[in-house]
Amino acid sequence: MPGAGKSTVGLLLAKQLGMDFVDTDIIIQVIHGKTLQQIISDSDYLTLRHYEQQVLLDLDSAEKVIATGGSAVYSAAGMAHLKANASVIFLDLGLQQLTQRVTDFDSRGIARRSDQSFEDLFAERRPLYQQYADLSIDCSGLSIDQCLQQITGKLTGIQYSAN
């Protein structure tokens, strides 16, 4: 979900693992010369989802930490491509914490229907995130560092206390 910390945690994870970091939202913006919100405003949210799918399908996911846009899960082909060479990690946060973090919902460039509330988006996407996840990390109440420890611990088989 938007606000889960994909870009922040992804960058730190890549640094810790000594891997490249890729943010698909930035790739989309660079390719199209527009912010995500401008893409939605100039066309619609489905266009943004299409661009995201194209980026996912063109991406070499091996040996990279990739922060996808939150709508990546709408592309079965894109997710299959990612899962073929990588582990998909779901940063699971509750609706209340996400709502506190996402204060720019209407201008953030989120691929959603115009009549869709943040709560509706959460209810629609969360099952998709769970479906595609190879690894789910409950980041509720955790700092970025604690979330990162949980990820690296599960990747290496080490258990960390959330305290």
Protein backbone atom coordinates (compact mmCIF):
# COMPACT_ATOMS: atom_id res chain seq x y z
CA MET A 1 0.00 0.00 0.00
CA PRO A 2 1.06 3.59 -0.39
CA GLY A 3 2.80 4.62 2.82
CA ALA A 4 3.98 1.12 3.75
CA GLY A 5 7.61 2.15 3.32
CA LYS A 6 8.50 0.22 0.17
CA SER A 7 10.93 2.81 -1.18
CA THR A 8 12.58 3.58 2.15
CA VAL A 9 12.88 0.00 3.36
CA GLY A 10 13.78 -1.22 -0.14
CA LEU A 11 16.68 1.19 -0.45
CA LEU A 12 18.04 0.25 2.99
CA LEU A 13 17.60 -3.46 2.26
CA ALA A 14 19.48 -3.11 -1.03
CA LYS A 15 22.31 -1.32 0.76
CA GLN A 16 22.45 -3.99 3.45
CA LEU A 17 22.44 -6.84 0.91
CA GLY A 18 24.83 -5.11 -1.51
CA MET A 19 22.29 -5.15 -4.34
CA ASP A 20 20.93 -2.65 -6.84
CA PHE A 21 17.77 -0.81 -5.87
CA VAL A 22 14.98 -0.06 -8.35
CA ASP A 23 11.84 1.98 -7.71
CA THR A 24 9.32 1.33 -10.47
CA ASP A 25 7.45 4.57 -9.75
CA ILE A 26 10.61 6.54 -10.54
CA ILE A 27 11.19 4.53 -13.73
CA ILE A 28 7.65 5.34 -14.88
CA GLN A 29 8.14 9.04 -14.13
CA VAL A 30 11.47 9.18 -15.98
CA ILE A 31 10.19 7.28 -19.05
CA HIS A 32 7.07 9.42 -19.38
CA GLY A 33 8.49 12.74 -18.14
CA LYS A 34 5.59 13.22 -15.75
CA THR A 35 4.77 12.57 -12.12
CA LEU A 36 2.41 9.71 -11.39
CA GLN A 37 -0.33 12.20 -10.57
CA GLN A 38 0.20 14.01 -13.88
CA ILE A 39 -0.14 10.69 -15.73
CA ILE A 40 -3.45 10.04 -13.96
CA SER A 41 -4.67 13.61 -14.52
CA ASP A 42 -3.70 13.58 -18.22
CA SER A 43 -5.27 10.18 -18.90
CA ASP A 44 -6.54 7.94 -16.09
CA TYR A 45 -5.50 5.46 -13.43
CA LEU A 46 -5.69 2.54 -15.86
CA THR A 47 -3.00 4.15 -17.99
CA LEU A 48 -0.74 4.32 -14.94
CA ARG A 49 -1.43 0.64 -14.22
CA HIS A 50 -0.58 -0.20 -17.84
CA TYR A 51 2.71 1.72 -17.59
CA GLU A 52 3.50 -0.09 -14.37
CA GLN A 53 2.84 -3.47 -15.97
CA GLN A 54 5.14 -2.62 -18.88
CA VAL A 55 7.93 -1.60 -16.50
CA LEU A 56 7.51 -4.81 -14.51
CA LEU A 57 7.59 -6.99 -17.62
CA ASP A 58 10.68 -5.23 -18.98
CA LEU A 59 12.53 -5.35 -15.67
CA ASP A 60 15.32 -7.80 -14.93
CA SER A 61 14.46 -8.62 -11.32
CA ALA A 62 17.43 -10.90 -10.57
CA GLU A 63 19.78 -9.65 -7.84
CA LYS A 64 17.83 -6.45 -7.24
CA VAL A 65 15.64 -5.03 -4.53
CA ILE A 66 12.61 -3.57 -6.28
CA ALA A 67 10.05 -1.23 -4.79
CA THR A 68 6.98 -1.56 -6.96
CA GLY A 69 4.08 0.80 -7.09
CA GLY A 70 1.21 -0.30 -4.90
CA SER A 71 -0.87 -1.23 -7.93
CA ALA A 72 1.64 -3.78 -9.27
CA VAL A 73 -0.57 -6.53 -7.87
CA TYR A 74 -3.25 -5.78 -10.46
CA SER A 75 -0.95 -7.22 -13.12
CA ALA A 76 -0.88 -11.01 -12.92
CA ALA A 77 1.70 -11.08 -15.73
CA GLY A 78 3.90 -8.50 -14.01
CA MET A 79 3.75 -10.31 -10.68
CA ALA A 80 4.51 -13.66 -12.32
CA HIS A 81 7.55 -12.06 -13.97
CA LEU A 82 8.79 -10.73 -10.62
CA LYS A 83 8.18 -14.01 -8.81
CA ALA A 84 10.09 -15.96 -11.48
CA ASN A 85 13.42 -14.49 -10.31
CA ALA A 86 12.75 -12.87 -6.96
CA SER A 87 11.00 -13.16 -3.63
CA VAL A 88 8.02 -10.87 -3.21
CA ILE A 89 7.88 -9.26 0.22
CA PHE A 90 4.68 -7.67 1.53
CA LEU A 91 5.15 -4.89 4.09
CA ASP A 92 1.94 -5.36 6.02
CA LEU A 93 0.63 -2.36 7.91
CA GLY A 94 -2.81 -1.75 9.32
CA LEU A 95 -5.21 0.74 7.82
CA GLN A 96 -4.90 3.17 10.74
CA GLN A 97 -1.11 3.43 10.47
CA LEU A 98 -1.24 3.77 6.67
CA THR A 99 -3.88 6.50 6.95
CA GLN A 100 -1.63 8.43 9.33
CA ARG A 101 1.28 8.18 6.88
CA VAL A 102 -0.61 9.00 3.67
CA THR A 103 -1.78 12.57 4.08
CA ASP A 104 -1.70 13.38 0.35
CA PHE A 105 -4.08 10.68 -0.90
CA ASP A 106 -5.73 12.87 -3.54
CA SER A 107 -2.48 14.19 -5.03
CA ARG A 108 -0.01 11.33 -4.50
CA GLY A 109 -0.47 9.62 -7.85
CA ILE A 110 -2.21 6.49 -6.61
CA ALA A 111 -3.69 4.28 -9.35
CA ARG A 112 -7.30 4.13 -8.19
CA ARG A 113 -10.81 4.93 -9.29
CA SER A 114 -11.78 8.54 -8.56
CA ASP A 115 -14.63 7.38 -6.30
CA GLN A 116 -12.42 5.01 -4.31
CA SER A 117 -11.56 5.92 -0.72
CA PHE A 118 -8.31 4.92 0.94
CA GLU A 119 -10.24 2.40 3.02
CA ASP A 120 -11.80 0.88 -0.10
CA LEU A 121 -8.40 0.70 -1.79
CA PHE A 122 -6.93 -1.04 1.27
CA ALA A 123 -9.76 -3.59 1.33
CA GLU A 124 -9.35 -4.27 -2.39
CA ARG A 125 -5.55 -4.53 -2.47
CA ARG A 126 -4.66 -6.26 0.79
CA PRO A 127 -5.86 -9.72 -0.35
CA LEU A 128 -3.85 -9.30 -3.56
CA TYR A 129 -0.72 -8.40 -1.60
CA GLN A 130 -1.23 -11.48 0.55
CA GLN A 131 -1.84 -13.65 -2.51
CA TYR A 132 1.41 -12.70 -4.24
CA ALA A 133 3.66 -12.46 -1.17
CA ASP A 134 6.36 -15.02 -0.67
CA LEU A 135 7.08 -13.35 2.63
CA SER A 136 4.78 -11.13 4.71
CA ILE A 137 6.29 -8.81 7.28
CA ASP A 138 4.00 -7.35 9.93
CA CYS A 139 5.47 -3.85 10.22
CA SER A 140 2.71 -2.47 12.44
CA GLY A 141 4.23 -0.39 15.21
CA LEU A 142 7.78 -1.05 14.00
CA SER A 143 10.40 1.52 13.12
CA ILE A 144 12.04 1.36 9.71
CA ASP A 145 15.09 -0.33 11.29
CA GLN A 146 12.94 -2.90 13.08
CA CYS A 147 11.05 -3.65 9.87
CA LEU A 148 14.37 -4.07 8.06
CA GLN A 149 15.58 -6.45 10.80
CA GLN A 150 12.42 -8.53 10.42
CA ILE A 151 12.97 -8.81 6.66
CA THR A 152 16.65 -9.70 6.86
CA GLY A 153 15.94 -12.08 9.71
CA LYS A 154 13.32 -13.96 7.73
CA LEU A 155 15.51 -14.00 4.63
CA THR A 156 18.39 -15.48 6.61
CA GLY A 157 16.39 -17.53 9.11
CA ILE A 158 17.26 -15.37 12.14
CA GLN A 159 14.42 -14.33 14.46
CA TYR A 160 14.50 -10.80 15.88
CA SER A 161 12.37 -9.48 18.69
CA ALA A 162 10.24 -6.49 17.76
CA ASN A 163 11.32 -4.83 21.05
